[in-house]
Full PDB file with SEQRES, HELIX, SHEET, SSBOND, CRYST1, ORIGX, SCALE, CONECT and MASTER records, all heavy atoms in Angstrom:
SEQRES   1 A   38  SER PHE LEU ARG ILE THR ALA GLY PHE VAL LEU GLY PHE          
SEQRES   2 A   38  LEU SER ALA VAL LEU LEU SER PHE LEU GLY PHE PHE LEU          
SEQRES   3 A   38  PRO PHE LEU HIS ARG LEU ILE SER PRO VAL LEU THR              
HELIX    1 AA1 PHE A    2  PHE A   25  1                                  24    
HELIX    2 AA2 PRO A   27  LEU A   37  1                                  11    
CRYST1    1.000    1.000    1.000  90.00  90.00  90.00 P 1           1          
ORIGX1      1.000000  0.000000  0.000000        0.00000                         
ORIGX2      0.000000  1.000000  0.000000        0.00000                         
ORIGX3      0.000000  0.000000  1.000000        0.00000                         
SCALE1      1.000000  0.000000  0.000000        0.00000                         
SCALE2      0.000000  1.000000  0.000000        0.00000                         
SCALE3      0.000000  0.000000  1.000000        0.00000                         
ATOM      1  N   SER A   1     -82.657  -1.871  30.752  1.00  0.00           N  
ATOM      2  CA  SER A   1     -83.691  -2.655  30.105  1.00  0.00           C  
ATOM      3  C   SER A   1     -83.060  -3.844  29.315  1.00  0.00           C  
ATOM      4  O   SER A   1     -83.602  -4.938  29.388  1.00  0.00           O  
ATOM      5  CB  SER A   1     -84.542  -1.809  29.181  1.00  0.00           C  
ATOM      6  OG  SER A   1     -85.378  -0.920  29.896  1.00  0.00           O  
ATOM      7  N   PHE A   2     -82.026  -3.555  28.587  1.00  0.00           N  
ATOM      8  CA  PHE A   2     -81.440  -4.604  27.723  1.00  0.00           C  
ATOM      9  C   PHE A   2     -80.903  -5.767  28.612  1.00  0.00           C  
ATOM     10  O   PHE A   2     -81.124  -6.886  28.316  1.00  0.00           O  
ATOM     11  CB  PHE A   2     -80.314  -4.004  26.890  1.00  0.00           C  
ATOM     12  CG  PHE A   2     -79.630  -5.048  25.984  1.00  0.00           C  
ATOM     13  CD1 PHE A   2     -80.234  -5.442  24.839  1.00  0.00           C  
ATOM     14  CD2 PHE A   2     -78.422  -5.594  26.326  1.00  0.00           C  
ATOM     15  CE1 PHE A   2     -79.616  -6.395  24.040  1.00  0.00           C  
ATOM     16  CE2 PHE A   2     -77.807  -6.541  25.489  1.00  0.00           C  
ATOM     17  CZ  PHE A   2     -78.453  -6.937  24.298  1.00  0.00           C  
ATOM     18  N   LEU A   3     -80.162  -5.433  29.683  1.00  0.00           N  
ATOM     19  CA  LEU A   3     -79.624  -6.462  30.492  1.00  0.00           C  
ATOM     20  C   LEU A   3     -80.706  -7.312  31.243  1.00  0.00           C  
ATOM     21  O   LEU A   3     -80.646  -8.511  31.322  1.00  0.00           O  
ATOM     22  CB  LEU A   3     -78.689  -5.849  31.599  1.00  0.00           C  
ATOM     23  CG  LEU A   3     -77.372  -5.270  30.985  1.00  0.00           C  
ATOM     24  CD1 LEU A   3     -76.551  -4.705  32.154  1.00  0.00           C  
ATOM     25  CD2 LEU A   3     -76.551  -6.363  30.265  1.00  0.00           C  
ATOM     26  N   ARG A   4     -81.754  -6.585  31.662  1.00  0.00           N  
ATOM     27  CA  ARG A   4     -82.820  -7.333  32.371  1.00  0.00           C  
ATOM     28  C   ARG A   4     -83.635  -8.272  31.427  1.00  0.00           C  
ATOM     29  O   ARG A   4     -83.878  -9.423  31.740  1.00  0.00           O  
ATOM     30  CB  ARG A   4     -83.790  -6.297  33.034  1.00  0.00           C  
ATOM     31  CG  ARG A   4     -83.191  -5.607  34.184  1.00  0.00           C  
ATOM     32  CD  ARG A   4     -84.167  -4.580  34.782  1.00  0.00           C  
ATOM     33  NE  ARG A   4     -83.579  -3.877  35.910  1.00  0.00           N  
ATOM     34  CZ  ARG A   4     -84.198  -2.846  36.542  1.00  0.00           C  
ATOM     35  NH1 ARG A   4     -85.399  -2.480  36.172  1.00  0.00           N  
ATOM     36  NH2 ARG A   4     -83.578  -2.247  37.549  1.00  0.00           N  
ATOM     37  N   ILE A   5     -83.995  -7.761  30.248  1.00  0.00           N  
ATOM     38  CA  ILE A   5     -84.746  -8.523  29.278  1.00  0.00           C  
ATOM     39  C   ILE A   5     -83.896  -9.647  28.756  1.00  0.00           C  
ATOM     40  O   ILE A   5     -84.349 -10.794  28.600  1.00  0.00           O  
ATOM     41  CB  ILE A   5     -85.259  -7.639  28.143  1.00  0.00           C  
ATOM     42  CG1 ILE A   5     -86.322  -6.668  28.703  1.00  0.00           C  
ATOM     43  CG2 ILE A   5     -85.874  -8.505  27.030  1.00  0.00           C  
ATOM     44  CD1 ILE A   5     -86.744  -5.618  27.774  1.00  0.00           C  
ATOM     45  N   THR A   6     -82.591  -9.400  28.468  1.00  0.00           N  
ATOM     46  CA  THR A   6     -81.702 -10.392  28.044  1.00  0.00           C  
ATOM     47  C   THR A   6     -81.485 -11.496  29.088  1.00  0.00           C  
ATOM     48  O   THR A   6     -81.476 -12.719  28.766  1.00  0.00           O  
ATOM     49  CB  THR A   6     -80.340  -9.833  27.627  1.00  0.00           C  
ATOM     50  OG1 THR A   6     -80.493  -8.801  26.631  1.00  0.00           O  
ATOM     51  CG2 THR A   6     -79.394 -10.925  27.101  1.00  0.00           C  
ATOM     52  N   ALA A   7     -81.416 -11.133  30.346  1.00  0.00           N  
ATOM     53  CA  ALA A   7     -81.294 -12.040  31.430  1.00  0.00           C  
ATOM     54  C   ALA A   7     -82.530 -12.953  31.473  1.00  0.00           C  
ATOM     55  O   ALA A   7     -82.373 -14.189  31.620  1.00  0.00           O  
ATOM     56  CB  ALA A   7     -81.161 -11.360  32.756  1.00  0.00           C  
ATOM     57  N   GLY A   8     -83.691 -12.395  31.306  1.00  0.00           N  
ATOM     58  CA  GLY A   8     -84.936 -13.163  31.300  1.00  0.00           C  
ATOM     59  C   GLY A   8     -84.947 -14.138  30.117  1.00  0.00           C  
ATOM     60  O   GLY A   8     -85.375 -15.291  30.256  1.00  0.00           O  
ATOM     61  N   PHE A   9     -84.486 -13.672  28.975  1.00  0.00           N  
ATOM     62  CA  PHE A   9     -84.466 -14.514  27.754  1.00  0.00           C  
ATOM     63  C   PHE A   9     -83.497 -15.663  27.987  1.00  0.00           C  
ATOM     64  O   PHE A   9     -83.809 -16.834  27.667  1.00  0.00           O  
ATOM     65  CB  PHE A   9     -84.053 -13.725  26.547  1.00  0.00           C  
ATOM     66  CG  PHE A   9     -83.832 -14.538  25.338  1.00  0.00           C  
ATOM     67  CD1 PHE A   9     -84.893 -14.964  24.552  1.00  0.00           C  
ATOM     68  CD2 PHE A   9     -82.525 -14.941  24.953  1.00  0.00           C  
ATOM     69  CE1 PHE A   9     -84.646 -15.778  23.441  1.00  0.00           C  
ATOM     70  CE2 PHE A   9     -82.304 -15.735  23.852  1.00  0.00           C  
ATOM     71  CZ  PHE A   9     -83.388 -16.144  23.066  1.00  0.00           C  
ATOM     72  N   VAL A  10     -82.287 -15.410  28.517  1.00  0.00           N  
ATOM     73  CA  VAL A  10     -81.303 -16.460  28.702  1.00  0.00           C  
ATOM     74  C   VAL A  10     -81.778 -17.495  29.744  1.00  0.00           C  
ATOM     75  O   VAL A  10     -81.629 -18.696  29.496  1.00  0.00           O  
ATOM     76  CB  VAL A  10     -79.954 -15.833  29.164  1.00  0.00           C  
ATOM     77  CG1 VAL A  10     -78.999 -16.905  29.554  1.00  0.00           C  
ATOM     78  CG2 VAL A  10     -79.354 -14.957  28.040  1.00  0.00           C  
ATOM     79  N   LEU A  11     -82.407 -17.041  30.763  1.00  0.00           N  
ATOM     80  CA  LEU A  11     -82.955 -17.956  31.796  1.00  0.00           C  
ATOM     81  C   LEU A  11     -84.068 -18.847  31.171  1.00  0.00           C  
ATOM     82  O   LEU A  11     -84.109 -20.003  31.391  1.00  0.00           O  
ATOM     83  CB  LEU A  11     -83.518 -17.149  32.966  1.00  0.00           C  
ATOM     84  CG  LEU A  11     -82.577 -16.575  33.966  1.00  0.00           C  
ATOM     85  CD1 LEU A  11     -83.271 -15.637  34.978  1.00  0.00           C  
ATOM     86  CD2 LEU A  11     -81.741 -17.663  34.685  1.00  0.00           C  
ATOM     87  N   GLY A  12     -84.901 -18.138  30.337  1.00  0.00           N  
ATOM     88  CA  GLY A  12     -85.952 -18.929  29.639  1.00  0.00           C  
ATOM     89  C   GLY A  12     -85.385 -19.943  28.683  1.00  0.00           C  
ATOM     90  O   GLY A  12     -85.880 -21.090  28.621  1.00  0.00           O  
ATOM     91  N   PHE A  13     -84.350 -19.569  27.984  1.00  0.00           N  
ATOM     92  CA  PHE A  13     -83.734 -20.448  26.954  1.00  0.00           C  
ATOM     93  C   PHE A  13     -83.085 -21.674  27.673  1.00  0.00           C  
ATOM     94  O   PHE A  13     -83.333 -22.802  27.296  1.00  0.00           O  
ATOM     95  CB  PHE A  13     -82.667 -19.681  26.227  1.00  0.00           C  
ATOM     96  CG  PHE A  13     -81.785 -20.563  25.321  1.00  0.00           C  
ATOM     97  CD1 PHE A  13     -82.206 -21.023  24.152  1.00  0.00           C  
ATOM     98  CD2 PHE A  13     -80.509 -20.886  25.739  1.00  0.00           C  
ATOM     99  CE1 PHE A  13     -81.448 -21.796  23.354  1.00  0.00           C  
ATOM    100  CE2 PHE A  13     -79.718 -21.686  24.959  1.00  0.00           C  
ATOM    101  CZ  PHE A  13     -80.183 -22.158  23.776  1.00  0.00           C  
ATOM    102  N   LEU A  14     -82.298 -21.402  28.722  1.00  0.00           N  
ATOM    103  CA  LEU A  14     -81.616 -22.507  29.409  1.00  0.00           C  
ATOM    104  C   LEU A  14     -82.660 -23.446  30.036  1.00  0.00           C  
ATOM    105  O   LEU A  14     -82.500 -24.649  30.019  1.00  0.00           O  
ATOM    106  CB  LEU A  14     -80.652 -21.945  30.490  1.00  0.00           C  
ATOM    107  CG  LEU A  14     -79.523 -21.152  29.943  1.00  0.00           C  
ATOM    108  CD1 LEU A  14     -78.670 -20.585  31.108  1.00  0.00           C  
ATOM    109  CD2 LEU A  14     -78.628 -21.995  29.081  1.00  0.00           C  
ATOM    110  N   SER A  15     -83.708 -22.859  30.653  1.00  0.00           N  
ATOM    111  CA  SER A  15     -84.738 -23.668  31.276  1.00  0.00           C  
ATOM    112  C   SER A  15     -85.435 -24.497  30.254  1.00  0.00           C  
ATOM    113  O   SER A  15     -85.821 -25.694  30.455  1.00  0.00           O  
ATOM    114  CB  SER A  15     -85.715 -22.771  32.006  1.00  0.00           C  
ATOM    115  OG  SER A  15     -85.069 -22.085  33.037  1.00  0.00           O  
ATOM    116  N   ALA A  16     -85.708 -23.872  29.058  1.00  0.00           N  
ATOM    117  CA  ALA A  16     -86.426 -24.616  27.983  1.00  0.00           C  
ATOM    118  C   ALA A  16     -85.599 -25.744  27.449  1.00  0.00           C  
ATOM    119  O   ALA A  16     -86.111 -26.878  27.184  1.00  0.00           O  
ATOM    120  CB  ALA A  16     -86.771 -23.651  26.877  1.00  0.00           C  
ATOM    121  N   VAL A  17     -84.287 -25.577  27.265  1.00  0.00           N  
ATOM    122  CA  VAL A  17     -83.435 -26.585  26.808  1.00  0.00           C  
ATOM    123  C   VAL A  17     -83.414 -27.776  27.791  1.00  0.00           C  
ATOM    124  O   VAL A  17     -83.604 -28.959  27.378  1.00  0.00           O  
ATOM    125  CB  VAL A  17     -82.014 -26.107  26.588  1.00  0.00           C  
ATOM    126  CG1 VAL A  17     -81.008 -27.235  26.283  1.00  0.00           C  
ATOM    127  CG2 VAL A  17     -81.959 -25.094  25.431  1.00  0.00           C  
ATOM    128  N   LEU A  18     -83.228 -27.482  29.063  1.00  0.00           N  
ATOM    129  CA  LEU A  18     -83.164 -28.489  30.099  1.00  0.00           C  
ATOM    130  C   LEU A  18     -84.496 -29.290  30.190  1.00  0.00           C  
ATOM    131  O   LEU A  18     -84.529 -30.495  30.137  1.00  0.00           O  
ATOM    132  CB  LEU A  18     -82.844 -27.833  31.463  1.00  0.00           C  
ATOM    133  CG  LEU A  18     -82.838 -28.834  32.637  1.00  0.00           C  
ATOM    134  CD1 LEU A  18     -81.785 -29.918  32.488  1.00  0.00           C  
ATOM    135  CD2 LEU A  18     -82.574 -28.037  33.938  1.00  0.00           C  
ATOM    136  N   LEU A  19     -85.619 -28.561  30.261  1.00  0.00           N  
ATOM    137  CA  LEU A  19     -86.897 -29.202  30.454  1.00  0.00           C  
ATOM    138  C   LEU A  19     -87.335 -29.972  29.204  1.00  0.00           C  
ATOM    139  O   LEU A  19     -87.954 -31.027  29.343  1.00  0.00           O  
ATOM    140  CB  LEU A  19     -87.947 -28.155  30.782  1.00  0.00           C  
ATOM    141  CG  LEU A  19     -87.875 -27.522  32.185  1.00  0.00           C  
ATOM    142  CD1 LEU A  19     -88.897 -26.410  32.347  1.00  0.00           C  
ATOM    143  CD2 LEU A  19     -88.082 -28.593  33.269  1.00  0.00           C  
ATOM    144  N   SER A  20     -87.014 -29.456  28.016  1.00  0.00           N  
ATOM    145  CA  SER A  20     -87.443 -30.176  26.779  1.00  0.00           C  
ATOM    146  C   SER A  20     -86.670 -31.496  26.664  1.00  0.00           C  
ATOM    147  O   SER A  20     -87.276 -32.520  26.263  1.00  0.00           O  
ATOM    148  CB  SER A  20     -87.195 -29.290  25.569  1.00  0.00           C  
ATOM    149  OG  SER A  20     -85.840 -28.927  25.447  1.00  0.00           O  
ATOM    150  N   PHE A  21     -85.370 -31.538  26.991  1.00  0.00           N  
ATOM    151  CA  PHE A  21     -84.620 -32.826  26.922  1.00  0.00           C  
ATOM    152  C   PHE A  21     -85.137 -33.749  27.979  1.00  0.00           C  
ATOM    153  O   PHE A  21     -85.324 -34.936  27.708  1.00  0.00           O  
ATOM    154  CB  PHE A  21     -83.120 -32.504  27.089  1.00  0.00           C  
ATOM    155  CG  PHE A  21     -82.474 -32.233  25.803  1.00  0.00           C  
ATOM    156  CD1 PHE A  21     -82.431 -30.899  25.270  1.00  0.00           C  
ATOM    157  CD2 PHE A  21     -81.820 -33.187  24.997  1.00  0.00           C  
ATOM    158  CE1 PHE A  21     -81.805 -30.571  24.081  1.00  0.00           C  
ATOM    159  CE2 PHE A  21     -81.220 -32.911  23.835  1.00  0.00           C  
ATOM    160  CZ  PHE A  21     -81.192 -31.583  23.349  1.00  0.00           C  
ATOM    161  N   LEU A  22     -85.402 -33.211  29.190  1.00  0.00           N  
ATOM    162  CA  LEU A  22     -85.924 -34.087  30.219  1.00  0.00           C  
ATOM    163  C   LEU A  22     -87.322 -34.587  29.870  1.00  0.00           C  
ATOM    164  O   LEU A  22     -87.646 -35.769  30.050  1.00  0.00           O  
ATOM    165  CB  LEU A  22     -86.009 -33.317  31.567  1.00  0.00           C  
ATOM    166  CG  LEU A  22     -84.662 -33.036  32.238  1.00  0.00           C  
ATOM    167  CD1 LEU A  22     -84.889 -32.161  33.473  1.00  0.00           C  
ATOM    168  CD2 LEU A  22     -83.941 -34.278  32.642  1.00  0.00           C  
ATOM    169  N   GLY A  23     -88.131 -33.722  29.298  1.00  0.00           N  
ATOM    170  CA  GLY A  23     -89.487 -34.127  28.869  1.00  0.00           C  
ATOM    171  C   GLY A  23     -89.422 -35.138  27.750  1.00  0.00           C  
ATOM    172  O   GLY A  23     -90.321 -35.970  27.692  1.00  0.00           O  
ATOM    173  N   PHE A  24     -88.457 -35.047  26.889  1.00  0.00           N  
ATOM    174  CA  PHE A  24     -88.329 -36.016  25.779  1.00  0.00           C  
ATOM    175  C   PHE A  24     -87.959 -37.389  26.318  1.00  0.00           C  
ATOM    176  O   PHE A  24     -88.509 -38.433  25.857  1.00  0.00           O  
ATOM    177  CB  PHE A  24     -87.320 -35.493  24.794  1.00  0.00           C  
ATOM    178  CG  PHE A  24     -87.041 -36.434  23.633  1.00  0.00           C  
ATOM    179  CD1 PHE A  24     -87.986 -36.631  22.642  1.00  0.00           C  
ATOM    180  CD2 PHE A  24     -85.825 -37.165  23.592  1.00  0.00           C  
ATOM    181  CE1 PHE A  24     -87.737 -37.445  21.611  1.00  0.00           C  
ATOM    182  CE2 PHE A  24     -85.603 -38.028  22.556  1.00  0.00           C  
ATOM    183  CZ  PHE A  24     -86.522 -38.186  21.508  1.00  0.00           C  
ATOM    184  N   PHE A  25     -87.024 -37.448  27.277  1.00  0.00           N  
ATOM    185  CA  PHE A  25     -86.556 -38.707  27.763  1.00  0.00           C  
ATOM    186  C   PHE A  25     -87.476 -39.247  28.861  1.00  0.00           C  
ATOM    187  O   PHE A  25     -87.490 -40.467  29.104  1.00  0.00           O  
ATOM    188  CB  PHE A  25     -85.160 -38.595  28.318  1.00  0.00           C  
ATOM    189  CG  PHE A  25     -84.088 -38.385  27.286  1.00  0.00           C  
ATOM    190  CD1 PHE A  25     -83.409 -37.211  27.127  1.00  0.00           C  
ATOM    191  CD2 PHE A  25     -83.750 -39.415  26.373  1.00  0.00           C  
ATOM    192  CE1 PHE A  25     -82.451 -37.022  26.170  1.00  0.00           C  
ATOM    193  CE2 PHE A  25     -82.846 -39.251  25.357  1.00  0.00           C  
ATOM    194  CZ  PHE A  25     -82.146 -38.050  25.242  1.00  0.00           C  
ATOM    195  N   LEU A  26     -88.232 -38.362  29.487  1.00  0.00           N  
ATOM    196  CA  LEU A  26     -89.210 -38.755  30.523  1.00  0.00           C  
ATOM    197  C   LEU A  26     -90.586 -38.276  30.144  1.00  0.00           C  
ATOM    198  O   LEU A  26     -91.027 -37.184  30.583  1.00  0.00           O  
ATOM    199  CB  LEU A  26     -88.789 -38.186  31.897  1.00  0.00           C  
ATOM    200  CG  LEU A  26     -87.373 -38.524  32.376  1.00  0.00           C  
ATOM    201  CD1 LEU A  26     -87.010 -37.675  33.633  1.00  0.00           C  
ATOM    202  CD2 LEU A  26     -87.249 -40.015  32.716  1.00  0.00           C  
ATOM    203  N   PRO A  27     -91.296 -39.088  29.352  1.00  0.00           N  
ATOM    204  CA  PRO A  27     -92.641 -38.603  28.844  1.00  0.00           C  
ATOM    205  C   PRO A  27     -93.574 -38.164  29.953  1.00  0.00           C  
ATOM    206  O   PRO A  27     -94.387 -37.252  29.723  1.00  0.00           O  
ATOM    207  CB  PRO A  27     -93.150 -39.861  28.146  1.00  0.00           C  
ATOM    208  CG  PRO A  27     -91.918 -40.605  27.720  1.00  0.00           C  
ATOM    209  CD  PRO A  27     -90.961 -40.386  28.833  1.00  0.00           C  
ATOM    210  N   PHE A  28     -93.519 -38.783  31.102  1.00  0.00           N  
ATOM    211  CA  PHE A  28     -94.453 -38.397  32.206  1.00  0.00           C  
ATOM    212  C   PHE A  28     -94.161 -36.982  32.606  1.00  0.00           C  
ATOM    213  O   PHE A  28     -95.109 -36.196  32.930  1.00  0.00           O  
ATOM    214  CB  PHE A  28     -94.285 -39.334  33.367  1.00  0.00           C  
ATOM    215  CG  PHE A  28     -95.130 -38.915  34.595  1.00  0.00           C  
ATOM    216  CD1 PHE A  28     -96.500 -39.064  34.607  1.00  0.00           C  
ATOM    217  CD2 PHE A  28     -94.519 -38.271  35.662  1.00  0.00           C  
ATOM    218  CE1 PHE A  28     -97.252 -38.633  35.674  1.00  0.00           C  
ATOM    219  CE2 PHE A  28     -95.279 -37.854  36.767  1.00  0.00           C  
ATOM    220  CZ  PHE A  28     -96.655 -38.061  36.742  1.00  0.00           C  
ATOM    221  N   LEU A  29     -92.889 -36.598  32.627  1.00  0.00           N  
ATOM    222  CA  LEU A  29     -92.553 -35.203  32.998  1.00  0.00           C  
ATOM    223  C   LEU A  29     -93.144 -34.187  31.962  1.00  0.00           C  
ATOM    224  O   LEU A  29     -93.653 -33.150  32.320  1.00  0.00           O  
ATOM    225  CB  LEU A  29     -91.049 -35.042  33.079  1.00  0.00           C  
ATOM    226  CG  LEU A  29     -90.542 -33.590  33.376  1.00  0.00           C  
ATOM    227  CD1 LEU A  29     -91.022 -33.194  34.762  1.00  0.00           C  
ATOM    228  CD2 LEU A  29     -88.991 -33.565  33.323  1.00  0.00           C  
ATOM    229  N   HIS A  30     -93.104 -34.594  30.677  1.00  0.00           N  
ATOM    230  CA  HIS A  30     -93.645 -33.763  29.651  1.00  0.00           C  
ATOM    231  C   HIS A  30     -95.134 -33.552  29.899  1.00  0.00           C  
ATOM    232  O   HIS A  30     -95.686 -32.450  29.802  1.00  0.00           O  
ATOM    233  CB  HIS A  30     -93.438 -34.390  28.267  1.00  0.00           C  
ATOM    234  CG  HIS A  30     -94.155 -33.711  27.118  1.00  0.00           C  
ATOM    235  ND1 HIS A  30     -93.839 -32.440  26.730  1.00  0.00           N  
ATOM    236  CD2 HIS A  30     -95.250 -34.137  26.420  1.00  0.00           C  
ATOM    237  CE1 HIS A  30     -94.662 -32.095  25.738  1.00  0.00           C  
ATOM    238  NE2 HIS A  30     -95.513 -33.088  25.575  1.00  0.00           N  
ATOM    239  N   ARG A  31     -95.845 -34.628  30.184  1.00  0.00           N  
ATOM    240  CA  ARG A  31     -97.286 -34.537  30.452  1.00  0.00           C  
ATOM    241  C   ARG A  31     -97.553 -33.745  31.718  1.00  0.00           C  
ATOM    242  O   ARG A  31     -98.573 -33.036  31.837  1.00  0.00           O  
ATOM    243  CB  ARG A  31     -97.910 -35.899  30.589  1.00  0.00           C  
ATOM    244  CG  ARG A  31     -97.848 -36.733  29.245  1.00  0.00           C  
ATOM    245  CD  ARG A  31     -98.741 -37.954  29.327  1.00  0.00           C  
ATOM    246  NE  ARG A  31     -98.241 -38.900  30.337  1.00  0.00           N  
ATOM    247  CZ  ARG A  31     -97.331 -39.857  30.064  1.00  0.00           C  
ATOM    248  NH1 ARG A  31     -96.823 -39.990  28.834  1.00  0.00           N  
ATOM    249  NH2 ARG A  31     -96.945 -40.701  31.002  1.00  0.00           N  
ATOM    250  N   LEU A  32     -96.677 -33.844  32.667  1.00  0.00           N  
ATOM    251  CA  LEU A  32     -96.877 -33.172  33.957  1.00  0.00           C  
ATOM    252  C   LEU A  32     -96.757 -31.632  33.819  1.00  0.00           C  
ATOM    253  O   LEU A  32     -97.496 -30.866  34.384  1.00  0.00           O  
ATOM    254  CB  LEU A  32     -95.827 -33.659  34.943  1.00  0.00           C  
ATOM    255  CG  LEU A  32     -95.876 -33.078  36.371  1.00  0.00           C  
ATOM    256  CD1 LEU A  32     -97.162 -33.493  37.065  1.00  0.00           C  
ATOM    257  CD2 LEU A  32     -94.662 -33.487  37.174  1.00  0.00           C  
ATOM    258  N   ILE A  33     -95.732 -31.177  33.057  1.00  0.00           N  
ATOM    259  CA  ILE A  33     -95.495 -29.723  32.973  1.00  0.00           C  
ATOM    260  C   ILE A  33     -96.202 -29.061  31.775  1.00  0.00           C  
ATOM    261  O   ILE A  33     -96.301 -27.827  31.762  1.00  0.00           O  
ATOM    262  CB  ILE A  33     -93.997 -29.420  32.856  1.00  0.00           C  
ATOM    263  CG1 ILE A  33     -93.412 -29.986  31.535  1.00  0.00           C  
ATOM    264  CG2 ILE A  33     -93.215 -29.953  34.073  1.00  0.00           C  
ATOM    265  CD1 ILE A  33     -91.965 -29.700  31.312  1.00  0.00           C  
ATOM    266  N   SER A  34     -96.774 -29.820  30.876  1.00  0.00           N  
ATOM    267  CA  SER A  34     -97.498 -29.268  29.748  1.00  0.00           C  
ATOM    268  C   SER A  34     -98.597 -28.291  30.123  1.00  0.00           C  
ATOM    269  O   SER A  34     -98.765 -27.235  29.570  1.00  0.00           O  
ATOM    270  CB  SER A  34     -98.040 -30.380  28.840  1.00  0.00           C  
ATOM    271  OG  SER A  34     -96.979 -31.018  28.127  1.00  0.00           O  
ATOM    272  N   PRO A  35     -99.476 -28.628  31.146  1.00  0.00           N  
ATOM    273  CA  PRO A  35    -100.520 -27.687  31.522  1.00  0.00           C  
ATOM    274  C   PRO A  35     -99.963 -26.359  32.008  1.00  0.00           C  
ATOM    275  O   PRO A  35    -100.539 -25.266  31.748  1.00  0.00           O  
ATOM    276  CB  PRO A  35    -101.238 -28.434  32.631  1.00  0.00           C  
ATOM    277  CG  PRO A  35    -100.984 -29.899  32.394  1.00  0.00           C  
ATOM    278  CD  PRO A  35     -99.601 -29.939  31.889  1.00  0.00           C  
ATOM    279  N   VAL A  36     -98.860 -26.430  32.785  1.00  0.00           N  
ATOM    280  CA  VAL A  36     -98.264 -25.160  33.253  1.00  0.00           C  
ATOM    281  C   VAL A  36     -97.713 -24.302  32.159  1.00  0.00           C  
ATOM    282  O   VAL A  36     -97.969 -23.089  32.122  1.00  0.00           O  
ATOM    283  CB  VAL A  36     -97.111 -25.539  34.263  1.00  0.00           C  
ATOM    284  CG1 VAL A  36     -96.424 -24.250  34.710  1.00  0.00           C  
ATOM    285  CG2 VAL A  36     -97.624 -26.358  35.426  1.00  0.00           C  
ATOM    286  N   LEU A  37     -97.052 -24.946  31.169  1.00  0.00           N  
ATOM    287  CA  LEU A  37     -96.547 -24.210  30.010  1.00  0.00           C  
ATOM    288  C   LEU A  37     -97.700 -23.665  29.207  1.00  0.00           C  
ATOM    289  O   LEU A  37     -97.543 -22.585  28.617  1.00  0.00           O  
ATOM    290  CB  LEU A  37     -95.680 -25.131  29.159  1.00  0.00           C  
ATOM    291  CG  LEU A  37     -94.372 -25.636  29.880  1.00  0.00           C  
ATOM    292  CD1 LEU A  37     -93.700 -26.673  29.040  1.00  0.00           C  
ATOM    293  CD2 LEU A  37     -93.440 -24.467  30.156  1.00  0.00           C  
ATOM    294  N   THR A  38     -98.768 -24.343  29.070  1.00  0.00           N  
ATOM    295  CA  THR A  38     -99.965 -23.877  28.333  1.00  0.00           C  
ATOM    296  C   THR A  38    -100.492 -22.619  29.055  1.00  0.00           C  
ATOM    297  O   THR A  38    -100.822 -21.604  28.313  1.00  0.00           O  
ATOM    298  CB  THR A  38    -101.021 -24.927  28.258  1.00  0.00           C  
ATOM    299  OG1 THR A  38    -100.466 -26.055  27.575  1.00  0.00           O  
ATOM    300  CG2 THR A  38    -102.227 -24.380  27.494  1.00  0.00           C  
TER     301      THR A  38                                                      
MASTER        0    0    0    2    0    0    0    6  300    1    0    3          
END                                                                             
């Protein structure tokens, strides 16, 4: 359980870092993915 949940957390963290920086520099991308994240 620990390895699986930690793996999910790490994947979520890395994806969030990448997408948030891309969304910050590319405002259209932020608007595009915001509904999905909601």
